[in-house]
Amino acid sequence: MEWLKEYWWIIIPLLLLGVILNGIKDLKKLSFKEYLEKKKGIKPIPYDDDEEDDWKKK
């Protein structure tokens, strides 16, 4: 356990490397084509900016 006292700082970059690699693996699982296909089926929320306009008209 003496080596742990001297080389504790090595654990931090290894931990960060693991987090980055897991993030990359999860990002590779995403499918942008499926996302865009799902998005086409969603109807946008109607928005009337005339009724609730808080800004003063000049």
Protein backbone atom coordinates (compact mmCIF):
# COMPACT_ATOMS: atom_id res chain seq x y z
CA MET A 1 0.00 0.00 0.00
CA GLU A 2 3.02 2.28 0.13
CA TRP A 3 2.96 2.61 -3.67
CA LEU A 4 -0.60 3.93 -3.45
CA LYS A 5 0.60 6.86 -1.36
CA GLU A 6 3.19 7.75 -3.99
CA TYR A 7 1.17 7.11 -7.16
CA TRP A 8 -2.38 8.12 -6.18
CA TRP A 9 -2.49 10.70 -8.99
CA ILE A 10 -2.42 7.93 -11.63
CA ILE A 11 -5.89 6.80 -10.56
CA ILE A 12 -7.48 10.12 -11.59
CA PRO A 13 -6.44 10.00 -15.31
CA LEU A 14 -7.42 6.32 -15.47
CA LEU A 15 -10.84 7.13 -14.07
CA LEU A 16 -11.29 10.00 -16.55
CA LEU A 17 -10.19 7.76 -19.41
CA GLY A 18 -12.78 5.18 -18.41
CA VAL A 19 -15.53 7.81 -18.30
CA ILE A 20 -14.55 9.11 -21.74
CA LEU A 21 -14.42 5.62 -23.27
CA ASN A 22 -17.84 4.73 -21.84
CA GLY A 23 -19.24 7.98 -23.23
CA ILE A 24 -17.85 7.20 -26.68
CA LYS A 25 -19.34 3.69 -26.57
CA ASP A 26 -22.76 5.09 -25.63
CA LEU A 27 -22.61 7.73 -28.36
CA LYS A 28 -21.85 5.04 -30.96
CA LYS A 29 -25.09 3.27 -29.97
CA LEU A 30 -27.18 6.30 -30.96
CA SER A 31 -28.85 6.19 -34.34
CA PHE A 32 -29.50 9.60 -35.83
CA LYS A 33 -31.64 8.14 -38.61
CA GLU A 34 -34.04 6.60 -36.09
CA TYR A 35 -34.16 9.89 -34.19
CA LEU A 36 -35.06 11.84 -37.33
CA GLU A 37 -37.73 9.29 -38.29
CA LYS A 38 -39.32 9.56 -34.84
CA LYS A 39 -39.12 13.34 -34.98
CA LYS A 40 -41.10 13.46 -38.23
CA GLY A 41 -44.08 11.85 -36.50
CA ILE A 42 -44.21 14.44 -33.72
CA LYS A 43 -46.41 17.45 -34.41
CA PRO A 44 -45.00 20.82 -33.32
CA ILE A 45 -46.70 22.72 -30.52
CA PRO A 46 -48.73 25.61 -31.93
CA TYR A 47 -47.45 28.97 -30.81
CA ASP A 48 -49.29 32.25 -31.07
CA ASP A 49 -46.99 35.08 -30.16
CA ASP A 50 -49.69 37.70 -30.74
CA GLU A 51 -51.77 36.80 -27.68
CA GLU A 52 -49.04 36.67 -25.06
CA ASP A 53 -46.65 39.34 -26.25
CA ASP A 54 -45.10 41.05 -23.24
CA TRP A 55 -42.92 43.45 -25.21
CA LYS A 56 -44.20 46.91 -25.88
CA LYS A 57 -44.80 47.66 -29.52
CA LYS A 58 -42.89 50.64 -30.83
